[in-house]
Structures are given as C-alpha cells and as structure tokens.
Amino acid sequence: KAVDVIDETGSRIRLKRHMVPEDIKEMERDLKKLTNEKDVYVKLHDIEKAEEVRKDEEKVREVYEQLIGQWRKNMSKEIPVVTEEDVAYTVAKMTGIPLFKIEEKETEKLVHMEDYLHKNIVAQHEAVVAVSKAIRRSRAGIKGSNRPIGSFFFLGPTGVGKTELAKALARFLFNDESALVKIDMSEYMERFNVSKMTGAPPGYVGYEEGGQLTEKIRKRPYSVVLFDEIEKAHPDVFNVLLQVLDEGVLTDTYGRKVDFKNTVIIMTSNLGARVIEKATPLGFQKTSTEAVYAQIKENVLGELKKTFNPEFLNRVDDTVVFHPLDKVHLGEIVDLLVNETNKQLVEKGLVVELTQEVKDWLIEKYFQPSYGARPMRRAVQKEIEDRLSELILDGRFRDGCKLQVQLKDDAPTFVEVEVGSPVLTGMN
C-alpha cells in the first residue's frame, strides 16, 4: 500500500508540472479575445479599429511567447519534489478520510458556517442554524463519543432545499460534494430488502457484494448520509438505524464493524406536505406570517409522531421543518442557478445576467407550488441554457463578452452589453 501511495503521488506531481500556469492561461484567453475583437471590426469594415487591435494583439503575443518559452525551459531543468503534504493529499483521496486538523483557519470557518450555507440555501434559516450548532458541538468535542457527528430529520414538501442543504454540508465539511451518500428508502419498502443495507446472509445472492449502506461508509467513513424519504422504509429499517444513532456502528454480513462516528445522518421526509398545501393554498405567500408557519410546524410534527415511535425519534438530535418558498425566494434561487451557469462559461469568458423582468417571467410561467423550486431549474435550462448554447455554437457572441437576458415579445432575448466593445444585435 505504501508503494502504491508513493507511486500515485509521484504520478500526480508529474502531471501537475505539465499543466500550463494560470497566468499563461489568462494570457491565452486575452489573445483569443483580441483576435475575436479584431475579426468583428474587420466584418464591420472598421479597418482603423482593426489595426489598433492587431497591434495590441502582437504586443500580448510577444509577451506570451516569452512566458511560455521560459516555463518550458524551467520545467525541463527542475526536478519535482514530493512533500509530506502531497503524500497526505494522496492518502486522503485513496481512503476518503480528510486529513484535517482543528486549526485557527478551520475554527474561523466553523464560526461562520451559517454564512457559507446561506449562500447555497434560500429561506431555510432554522435548518441552517440547527445543523451549524450540531457541527460546532461535535468539532468542539461536546457530543457523545460513540454517536455520529449529528442526526437530523428534514421535513417539508418537495423542492424546498432538503437535499441541497445536505449537499452544501458535504461541501463545507469535506470539501467534496461526492462525500454525500444518498440512500433511496423507497428501495427498502419490503421486509426482505432490509438485509441489503448490511449485506445478504451467507449462501444468498449478493453475499459477496456487501451491504449497500455499510460498504459505502466503510469506503468513505467521513461523509453525509442522506436517507431520502425515510417514511417509505419498512419498520425493520428503523431497528438498523437505532444502532447507528445510538452506538455509531453497524455490523455487516462479514462481521465487520462499520464506523459511523464521523458521519452526519440526515433523514428527509415529505410527511405533512398536504397539510402545508392546505395551510397556504395560493403558494406565493406561504411564509407571510410566523403564525402560519408555527401552525404548519405543529401539524407536521404531529404527523411525524404518528409515523415513528418515540424510541426512534428521541435518538435524533434535531427535527427541522422547512419553510415553503414564496416568490421572493424563487428570485434568489434563479440567481443561484444562473451563477451555476456562469461557472460553466468561465472558459469562454462569457457572463450572463437576467433582468428582473425575465426573472419574474420565469417564475410566473414555471412555478408550481406543489413542486417548490424544482421547476425553476428546468426553466433556466430550457429558456436560458438551451437558447444560449445554440447561439454560442452559431458563433453569434464573442468570447469574453457580457450578455444580458431581456424580455422581448414574451421570450428571453440575449443582448451583448459589454462596455467599450462593438455591440452585436440581441437574438432570440
């Protein structure tokens, strides 16, 4: 194993050395931008402007060639050095165990945990605060030594951010969204499926594969475990989870004890979704008063107590009822989705922004109260990303420009608005 670690580390360092430095990549993008700008002026028959841009392009290219030549020269001379941190990084990747320490930097990060989660999660302050407090207790050593880092019930209708909060938590704690282990509890509705969590008994089909839950945690002991739609599971599943919540371990079919002490357990449920719909039938003013939410919360928690026995509920650290979303919240969610799109456009240097009119149009056209924010992702994909991809492939926009999405004839229209550059006509 030690040889494998050193071999993997050496290979990674060697590949990393062949990666072009970021400052040279930035200059490559500048060159491409200048070339495109020159071509635009040529098409517009503005020879004077085209000549100015050509001269700028030559200056940048001269500096670029010097830098790339020096980088290649240095790369051929320097012998790469493998450090302790490089080996530690490889071990972390191979084992799934993050090699972090409680240092001043992480302490500061934990103190501002709510700020990070709020950047990714809209309108769920109570959930963010509850999760943050539990994580800080664990990091400070104030928790049961044998229990998971934290365990939570996330209750509320579909599309309000339950799964998104779990993803954000995985990114925050382990710097990797793949640290989220999602278990679909609809697969465990029948009693004979329960054994799949820890592995089939000897002599049965699937014995050599191990348990669907235990194998994932054994390979990645530092993770956020999401039991989706927990209310659909067979009651015997809760007996299995009792051991996890109480002792932090689960024994698989091979007799191995799988450690859950470094996991966060999240159980989501749509219990009480109909209660919320009845309490706020119009969909757009679901959280207008605290009194309405308090009534919703009381009813949903009542449904929870009817579904699960007290022995199980008492072992869960906290139960959070998510707020339904209103029109203002949906506007913020559209902004988050557009930011995701912009991250994908970084290589092309493109930036997309939506006018408030377009946001309102998307919300009015696609929002369905019973589905929460889910339709908005499809709306951005269909109305923004699909249209933009066609325009990019047609060569209608230059790399490095800023695009504003405006509403024209009841349809989104893309307009180039970069200051100081020739403006191309907006296109549907």
Protein backbone atom coordinates (compact mmCIF):
# COMPACT_ATOMS: atom_id res chain seq x y z
CA LYS A 1 0.00 0.00 0.00
CA ALA A 2 2.82 2.41 0.86
CA VAL A 3 4.40 1.85 -2.58
CA ASP A 4 1.02 2.49 -4.22
CA VAL A 5 0.69 5.78 -2.33
CA ILE A 6 4.16 6.97 -3.38
CA ASP A 7 3.57 5.87 -6.98
CA GLU A 8 0.23 7.67 -7.14
CA THR A 9 1.71 10.81 -5.56
CA GLY A 10 4.65 10.88 -7.97
CA SER A 11 2.36 10.46 -10.98
CA ARG A 12 0.10 13.28 -9.82
CA ILE A 13 3.02 15.67 -9.23
CA ARG A 14 4.46 14.85 -12.66
CA LEU A 15 1.12 15.52 -14.38
CA LYS A 16 0.68 18.71 -12.38
CA ARG A 17 4.06 20.01 -13.66
CA HIS A 18 2.82 19.71 -17.24
CA MET A 19 -0.21 21.88 -16.55
CA VAL A 20 0.15 25.38 -18.02
CA PRO A 21 0.31 28.05 -15.24
CA GLU A 22 -2.80 30.14 -14.68
CA ASP A 23 -1.15 33.44 -15.70
CA ILE A 24 -0.23 31.95 -19.09
CA LYS A 25 -3.76 30.57 -19.50
CA GLU A 26 -5.12 34.03 -18.74
CA MET A 27 -2.88 35.50 -21.44
CA GLU A 28 -4.13 32.85 -23.90
CA ARG A 29 -7.69 33.96 -23.16
CA ASP A 30 -6.69 37.60 -23.69
CA LEU A 31 -5.15 36.71 -27.05
CA LYS A 32 -8.28 34.86 -28.13
CA LYS A 33 -10.44 37.79 -27.04
CA LEU A 34 -8.31 40.26 -29.03
CA THR A 35 -8.41 38.01 -32.11
CA ASN A 36 -12.20 37.79 -31.93
CA GLU A 37 -12.48 41.55 -31.41
CA LYS A 38 -10.25 42.18 -34.44
CA ASP A 39 -12.42 39.86 -36.58
CA VAL A 40 -15.55 41.76 -35.52
CA TYR A 41 -14.06 45.11 -36.60
CA VAL A 42 -12.98 43.57 -39.91
CA LYS A 43 -16.55 42.37 -40.52
CA LEU A 44 -17.78 45.87 -39.68
CA HIS A 45 -15.23 47.29 -42.20
CA ASP A 46 -13.67 49.42 -39.48
CA ILE A 47 -10.06 48.99 -40.64
CA GLU A 48 -8.64 51.65 -38.31
CA LYS A 49 -10.01 49.96 -35.19
CA ALA A 50 -8.98 46.54 -36.50
CA GLU A 51 -5.40 47.77 -36.96
CA GLU A 52 -5.30 49.12 -33.38
CA VAL A 53 -6.46 45.80 -32.01
CA ARG A 54 -3.93 43.94 -34.20
CA LYS A 55 -1.07 45.96 -32.70
CA ASP A 56 -2.31 45.19 -29.18
CA GLU A 57 -2.55 41.54 -30.15
CA GLU A 58 1.07 41.48 -31.34
CA LYS A 59 2.32 43.02 -28.07
CA VAL A 60 0.43 40.49 -25.97
CA ARG A 61 1.57 37.61 -28.18
CA GLU A 62 5.22 38.66 -27.81
CA VAL A 63 4.95 38.61 -24.00
CA TYR A 64 3.04 35.32 -24.15
CA GLU A 65 5.72 33.59 -26.22
CA GLN A 66 8.41 34.76 -23.81
CA LEU A 67 6.49 33.42 -20.80
CA ILE A 68 5.63 30.07 -22.39
CA GLY A 69 9.25 29.63 -23.52
CA GLN A 70 10.61 30.38 -20.04
CA TRP A 71 8.09 27.99 -18.44
CA ARG A 72 9.09 25.14 -20.75
CA LYS A 73 12.78 25.83 -20.11
CA ASN A 74 12.31 25.78 -16.32
CA MET A 75 10.18 22.64 -16.48
CA SER A 76 12.92 20.73 -18.29
CA LYS A 77 15.54 21.73 -15.69
CA GLU A 78 13.67 21.45 -12.38
CA ILE A 79 13.36 18.11 -10.60
CA PRO A 80 9.94 17.79 -8.89
CA VAL A 81 9.94 17.36 -5.11
CA VAL A 82 7.29 15.27 -3.33
CA THR A 83 6.37 16.83 0.02
CA GLU A 84 4.65 15.45 3.10
CA GLU A 85 1.52 17.41 2.16
CA ASP A 86 1.48 15.77 -1.29
CA VAL A 87 1.52 12.29 0.25
CA ALA A 88 -1.16 13.27 2.77
CA TYR A 89 -3.38 14.51 -0.07
CA THR A 90 -3.00 11.18 -1.88
CA VAL A 91 -3.85 9.21 1.27
CA ALA A 92 -6.96 11.35 1.75
CA LYS A 93 -8.09 10.70 -1.81
CA MET A 94 -7.44 6.95 -1.63
CA THR A 95 -9.11 6.37 1.75
CA GLY A 96 -11.84 9.01 1.71
CA ILE A 97 -10.58 10.30 5.07
CA PRO A 98 -9.90 14.06 5.07
CA LEU A 99 -6.62 14.77 6.85
CA PHE A 100 -7.66 18.00 8.55
CA LYS A 101 -6.83 19.37 11.97
CA ILE A 102 -8.65 21.80 14.24
CA GLU A 103 -6.56 24.80 13.35
CA GLU A 104 -7.23 28.52 13.58
CA LYS A 105 -8.35 28.59 9.95
CA GLU A 106 -10.93 25.82 10.41
CA THR A 107 -12.11 27.34 13.69
CA GLU A 108 -12.85 30.58 11.89
CA LYS A 109 -14.60 28.61 9.14
CA LEU A 110 -16.84 26.85 11.68
CA VAL A 111 -17.77 30.14 13.37
CA HIS A 112 -19.03 31.45 10.02
CA MET A 113 -20.65 28.20 8.94
CA GLU A 114 -24.11 29.77 8.67
CA ASP A 115 -22.80 32.38 6.22
CA TYR A 116 -21.46 29.67 3.91
CA LEU A 117 -24.65 27.59 3.99
CA HIS A 118 -26.87 30.65 3.44
CA LYS A 119 -25.01 31.33 0.18
CA ASN A 120 -26.28 27.99 -1.13
CA ILE A 121 -29.61 27.62 0.68
CA VAL A 122 -32.53 30.05 0.41
CA ALA A 123 -35.17 30.77 3.07
CA GLN A 124 -34.21 27.97 5.50
CA HIS A 125 -32.62 29.87 8.39
CA GLU A 126 -33.82 27.46 11.11
CA ALA A 127 -32.38 24.44 9.30
CA VAL A 128 -29.04 26.15 8.69
CA VAL A 129 -28.71 27.25 12.34
CA ALA A 130 -29.69 23.81 13.71
CA VAL A 131 -27.15 21.99 11.55
CA SER A 132 -24.39 24.53 12.24
CA LYS A 133 -24.80 24.29 16.01
CA ALA A 134 -24.62 20.48 15.91
CA ILE A 135 -21.45 20.51 13.80
CA ARG A 136 -19.76 23.02 16.11
CA ARG A 137 -20.64 20.90 19.16
CA SER A 138 -19.03 17.90 17.51
CA ARG A 139 -15.87 19.74 16.45
CA ALA A 140 -15.50 21.13 19.98
CA GLY A 141 -15.76 17.60 21.41
CA ILE A 142 -19.12 18.22 23.11
CA LYS A 143 -21.07 15.17 21.91
CA GLY A 144 -21.47 11.51 22.72
CA SER A 145 -18.18 9.83 21.81
CA ASN A 146 -19.92 6.89 20.15
CA ARG A 147 -22.58 8.77 18.22
CA PRO A 148 -22.49 10.29 14.71
CA ILE A 149 -21.49 13.95 14.34
CA GLY A 150 -25.16 14.85 14.10
CA SER A 151 -28.53 13.36 13.15
CA PHE A 152 -31.49 15.27 11.74
CA PHE A 153 -34.99 14.97 10.39
CA PHE A 154 -35.58 17.34 7.45
CA LEU A 155 -39.33 17.70 6.93
CA GLY A 156 -41.22 19.64 4.28
CA PRO A 157 -42.67 19.44 0.77
CA THR A 158 -40.57 18.64 -2.27
CA GLY A 159 -38.32 21.31 -3.76
CA VAL A 160 -37.65 23.42 -0.65
CA GLY A 161 -33.94 22.61 -0.24
CA LYS A 162 -33.67 19.50 1.94
CA THR A 163 -31.28 17.65 -0.37
CA GLU A 164 -29.48 20.87 -1.34
CA LEU A 165 -28.65 21.54 2.30
CA ALA A 166 -27.20 18.02 2.59
CA LYS A 167 -25.02 18.67 -0.49
CA ALA A 168 -23.88 22.04 0.87
CA LEU A 169 -22.99 20.38 4.18
CA ALA A 170 -20.87 17.76 2.39
CA ARG A 171 -19.00 20.50 0.52
CA PHE A 172 -18.47 22.50 3.71
CA LEU A 173 -17.26 19.64 5.92
CA PHE A 174 -15.32 17.53 3.44
CA ASN A 175 -14.67 19.92 0.52
CA ASP A 176 -16.31 17.43 -1.80
CA GLU A 177 -19.95 17.01 -2.82
CA SER A 178 -19.25 13.33 -3.56
CA ALA A 179 -18.95 12.89 0.22
CA LEU A 180 -22.76 12.79 0.16
CA VAL A 181 -24.01 9.19 0.39
CA LYS A 182 -27.64 9.07 -0.73
CA ILE A 183 -29.84 6.09 0.14
CA ASP A 184 -33.26 5.92 -1.53
CA MET A 185 -35.53 4.45 1.14
CA SER A 186 -38.23 3.51 -1.38
CA GLU A 187 -35.93 0.56 -2.20
CA TYR A 188 -36.45 -0.78 1.34
CA MET A 189 -40.23 -0.86 1.47
CA GLU A 190 -40.37 -4.66 1.74
CA ARG A 191 -39.04 -6.62 4.70
CA PHE A 192 -36.82 -8.90 2.61
CA ASN A 193 -34.94 -5.84 1.26
CA VAL A 194 -33.82 -4.62 4.68
CA SER A 195 -30.86 -7.02 4.78
CA LYS A 196 -29.42 -5.28 1.70
CA MET A 197 -28.28 -2.44 3.95
CA THR A 198 -25.76 -4.64 5.76
CA GLY A 199 -25.38 -7.39 3.13
CA ALA A 200 -27.12 -10.63 2.19
CA PRO A 201 -26.62 -13.62 4.53
CA PRO A 202 -24.06 -16.32 3.53
CA GLY A 203 -25.34 -18.54 0.73
CA TYR A 204 -27.72 -15.91 -0.66
CA VAL A 205 -27.38 -13.92 -3.89
CA GLY A 206 -25.31 -10.77 -3.35
CA TYR A 207 -23.42 -12.02 -0.29
CA GLU A 208 -20.02 -11.18 -1.81
CA GLU A 209 -21.12 -7.64 -2.71
CA GLY A 210 -21.51 -6.48 0.89
CA GLY A 211 -24.15 -4.11 2.23
CA GLN A 212 -25.43 -1.17 0.19
CA LEU A 213 -25.07 1.10 3.23
CA THR A 214 -22.16 -0.47 5.11
CA GLU A 215 -19.89 -0.77 2.06
CA LYS A 216 -20.33 2.89 1.14
CA ILE A 217 -19.49 4.06 4.65
CA ARG A 218 -16.63 1.57 5.04
CA LYS A 219 -15.04 3.03 1.92
CA ARG A 220 -15.90 6.62 2.86
CA PRO A 221 -16.16 6.92 6.67
CA TYR A 222 -16.23 10.74 6.55
CA SER A 223 -19.50 11.56 4.80
CA VAL A 224 -23.00 12.97 4.97
CA VAL A 225 -25.52 10.11 4.80
CA LEU A 226 -28.88 11.09 3.33
CA PHE A 227 -31.80 8.69 3.87
CA ASP A 228 -34.26 10.07 1.32
CA GLU A 229 -38.00 9.72 2.01
CA ILE A 230 -37.43 7.76 5.20
CA GLU A 231 -41.15 7.29 5.81
CA LYS A 232 -41.32 4.82 2.89
CA ALA A 233 -38.95 2.35 4.54
CA HIS A 234 -40.10 -0.86 6.23
CA PRO A 235 -40.26 -0.57 10.07
CA ASP A 236 -37.38 -3.06 10.41
CA VAL A 237 -35.09 -0.44 8.84
CA PHE A 238 -35.53 1.74 11.92
CA ASN A 239 -34.15 -1.05 14.11
CA VAL A 240 -30.99 -0.97 11.99
CA LEU A 241 -30.76 2.82 12.24
CA LEU A 242 -31.26 2.73 16.01
CA GLN A 243 -27.88 1.02 16.33
CA VAL A 244 -26.27 3.68 14.13
CA LEU A 245 -27.81 6.61 16.02
CA ASP A 246 -27.09 5.18 19.46
CA GLU A 247 -23.73 3.43 19.12
CA GLY A 248 -22.28 4.87 15.91
CA VAL A 249 -21.51 1.43 14.46
CA LEU A 250 -23.20 -1.15 12.25
CA THR A 251 -22.07 -4.75 11.78
CA ASP A 252 -22.13 -6.01 8.20
CA THR A 253 -22.69 -9.55 6.94
CA TYR A 254 -18.95 -10.34 7.23
CA GLY A 255 -18.98 -9.45 10.92
CA ARG A 256 -17.02 -6.22 10.38
CA LYS A 257 -17.97 -3.21 12.47
CA VAL A 258 -18.51 -0.19 10.23
CA ASP A 259 -17.85 3.14 11.97
CA PHE A 260 -20.46 5.92 11.63
CA LYS A 261 -18.88 8.26 14.21
CA ASN A 262 -17.60 10.64 11.54
CA THR A 263 -20.83 10.85 9.56
CA VAL A 264 -23.76 13.24 9.59
CA ILE A 265 -27.09 11.41 9.38
CA ILE A 266 -29.93 13.23 7.58
CA MET A 267 -33.39 11.73 7.08
CA THR A 268 -35.73 13.57 4.74
CA SER A 269 -39.48 13.18 4.59
CA ASN A 270 -42.44 14.72 2.80
CA LEU A 271 -44.72 14.00 5.76
CA GLY A 272 -47.26 16.75 6.16
CA ALA A 273 -46.83 18.13 2.63
CA ARG A 274 -50.59 18.11 2.15
CA VAL A 275 -51.00 19.94 5.44
CA ILE A 276 -48.74 22.70 4.13
CA GLU A 277 -50.66 22.92 0.86
CA LYS A 278 -53.94 23.33 2.72
CA ALA A 279 -52.48 25.94 5.06
CA THR A 280 -51.14 28.02 2.15
CA PRO A 281 -53.25 27.25 -0.92
CA LEU A 282 -52.09 30.17 -3.08
CA GLY A 283 -48.44 29.16 -3.00
CA PHE A 284 -46.99 32.69 -3.20
CA GLN A 285 -47.46 33.81 0.41
CA LYS A 286 -46.56 30.67 2.25
CA THR A 287 -44.35 32.35 4.84
CA SER A 288 -46.15 35.68 5.17
CA THR A 289 -46.54 35.32 8.93
CA GLU A 290 -44.79 33.40 11.68
CA ALA A 291 -48.20 32.32 12.95
CA VAL A 292 -48.92 30.42 9.72
CA TYR A 293 -45.54 28.69 9.85
CA ALA A 294 -45.97 27.82 13.53
CA GLN A 295 -49.29 26.14 12.73
CA ILE A 296 -47.73 24.26 9.81
CA LYS A 297 -44.84 23.12 12.01
CA GLU A 298 -47.17 21.87 14.74
CA ASN A 299 -49.20 19.84 12.24
CA VAL A 300 -46.14 18.36 10.51
CA LEU A 301 -44.52 17.34 13.80
CA GLY A 302 -47.82 15.72 14.74
CA GLU A 303 -47.67 13.63 11.56
CA LEU A 304 -44.09 12.67 12.42
CA LYS A 305 -45.06 11.39 15.87
CA LYS A 306 -47.84 9.30 14.34
CA THR A 307 -45.42 7.67 11.88
CA PHE A 308 -42.35 6.95 14.03
CA ASN A 309 -42.16 5.53 17.53
CA PRO A 310 -40.71 7.62 20.41
CA GLU A 311 -37.70 5.32 20.81
CA PHE A 312 -36.51 6.28 17.33
CA LEU A 313 -37.44 9.98 17.48
CA ASN A 314 -35.63 10.52 20.79
CA ARG A 315 -32.31 9.43 19.27
CA VAL A 316 -32.39 12.11 16.57
CA ASP A 317 -30.55 15.32 17.51
CA ASP A 318 -32.93 17.77 15.86
CA THR A 319 -36.04 17.91 13.71
CA VAL A 320 -36.36 20.79 11.23
CA VAL A 321 -39.49 21.75 9.33
CA PHE A 322 -38.51 23.58 6.15
CA HIS A 323 -40.30 26.77 5.14
CA PRO A 324 -42.31 26.66 1.91
CA LEU A 325 -40.96 29.04 -0.74
CA ASP A 326 -42.52 32.30 -1.89
CA LYS A 327 -41.96 34.50 -4.95
CA VAL A 328 -39.07 36.47 -3.42
CA HIS A 329 -37.23 33.26 -2.54
CA LEU A 330 -37.67 31.92 -6.06
CA GLY A 331 -35.96 35.02 -7.46
CA GLU A 332 -32.93 34.27 -5.26
CA ILE A 333 -32.95 30.65 -6.43
CA VAL A 334 -32.94 31.77 -10.08
CA ASP A 335 -29.86 33.88 -9.27
CA LEU A 336 -28.12 30.81 -7.80
CA LEU A 337 -28.96 28.74 -10.88
CA VAL A 338 -27.65 31.46 -13.22
CA ASN A 339 -24.45 31.62 -11.15
CA GLU A 340 -24.02 27.88 -11.77
CA THR A 341 -24.41 28.54 -15.49
CA ASN A 342 -21.80 31.31 -15.34
CA LYS A 343 -19.32 28.94 -13.70
CA GLN A 344 -19.64 26.67 -16.74
CA LEU A 345 -18.98 29.65 -19.03
CA VAL A 346 -15.71 30.69 -17.34
CA GLU A 347 -13.54 29.09 -20.03
CA LYS A 348 -15.26 31.14 -22.71
CA GLY A 349 -15.12 34.29 -20.61
CA LEU A 350 -18.88 34.79 -21.01
CA VAL A 351 -21.08 36.21 -18.27
CA VAL A 352 -24.89 36.05 -18.28
CA GLU A 353 -27.20 38.26 -16.23
CA LEU A 354 -31.00 38.30 -16.15
CA THR A 355 -33.13 41.41 -15.88
CA GLN A 356 -35.76 41.45 -13.13
CA GLU A 357 -38.42 41.30 -15.83
CA VAL A 358 -37.04 37.98 -17.10
CA LYS A 359 -36.87 36.54 -13.57
CA ASP A 360 -40.50 37.47 -12.93
CA TRP A 361 -41.49 35.96 -16.29
CA LEU A 362 -39.74 32.66 -15.48
CA ILE A 363 -41.38 32.46 -12.05
CA GLU A 364 -44.88 33.24 -13.36
CA LYS A 365 -44.57 30.75 -16.20
CA TYR A 366 -42.93 27.80 -14.46
CA PHE A 367 -43.58 27.96 -10.72
CA GLN A 368 -45.83 25.21 -9.34
CA PRO A 369 -46.45 25.42 -5.57
CA SER A 370 -46.56 21.65 -5.10
CA TYR A 371 -43.07 21.21 -6.64
CA GLY A 372 -41.24 24.06 -4.91
CA ALA A 373 -38.08 25.24 -6.68
CA ARG A 374 -37.63 22.17 -8.91
CA PRO A 375 -39.43 23.69 -11.94
CA MET A 376 -37.08 26.71 -11.82
CA ARG A 377 -34.06 24.54 -12.64
CA ARG A 378 -35.88 23.21 -15.69
CA ALA A 379 -36.91 26.77 -16.59
CA VAL A 380 -33.33 28.08 -16.53
CA GLN A 381 -32.14 25.06 -18.50
CA LYS A 382 -34.82 25.38 -21.18
CA GLU A 383 -35.15 29.16 -21.52
CA ILE A 384 -31.57 30.26 -20.82
CA GLU A 385 -29.03 27.44 -21.23
CA ASP A 386 -30.59 25.76 -24.29
CA ARG A 387 -31.02 29.06 -26.14
CA LEU A 388 -27.53 30.25 -25.19
CA SER A 389 -25.85 27.01 -26.29
CA GLU A 390 -27.39 27.34 -29.77
CA LEU A 391 -26.15 30.93 -30.08
CA ILE A 392 -22.64 30.01 -28.94
CA LEU A 393 -22.42 27.16 -31.46
CA ASP A 394 -23.63 29.53 -34.18
CA GLY A 395 -20.77 31.90 -33.29
CA ARG A 396 -23.15 34.75 -32.53
CA PHE A 397 -21.23 36.01 -29.48
CA ARG A 398 -17.55 36.70 -28.91
CA ASP A 399 -15.60 35.09 -26.11
CA GLY A 400 -15.16 37.44 -23.17
CA CYS A 401 -18.38 39.39 -23.59
CA LYS A 402 -21.18 40.09 -21.11
CA LEU A 403 -24.71 39.06 -22.06
CA GLN A 404 -27.91 40.46 -20.64
CA VAL A 405 -31.10 38.44 -20.96
CA GLN A 406 -34.03 40.75 -21.65
CA LEU A 407 -37.71 40.04 -22.27
CA LYS A 408 -38.89 40.80 -25.79
CA ASP A 409 -42.14 39.60 -27.38
CA ASP A 410 -42.77 37.36 -24.35
CA ALA A 411 -39.49 35.49 -24.83
CA PRO A 412 -35.95 35.81 -23.43
CA THR A 413 -33.58 37.73 -25.73
CA PHE A 414 -29.78 37.77 -25.40
CA VAL A 415 -28.10 41.16 -25.84
CA GLU A 416 -24.36 41.82 -25.69
CA VAL A 417 -23.79 44.73 -23.32
CA GLU A 418 -20.02 44.76 -22.76
CA VAL A 419 -18.92 48.37 -22.34
CA GLY A 420 -16.36 49.68 -24.82
CA SER A 421 -16.82 46.92 -27.41
CA PRO A 422 -18.87 46.71 -30.61
CA VAL A 423 -22.39 45.63 -29.68
CA LEU A 424 -23.97 42.80 -31.61
CA THR A 425 -27.72 42.71 -32.09
CA GLY A 426 -29.58 40.70 -29.45
CA MET A 427 -31.09 37.48 -30.72
CA ASN A 428 -33.92 35.24 -29.55
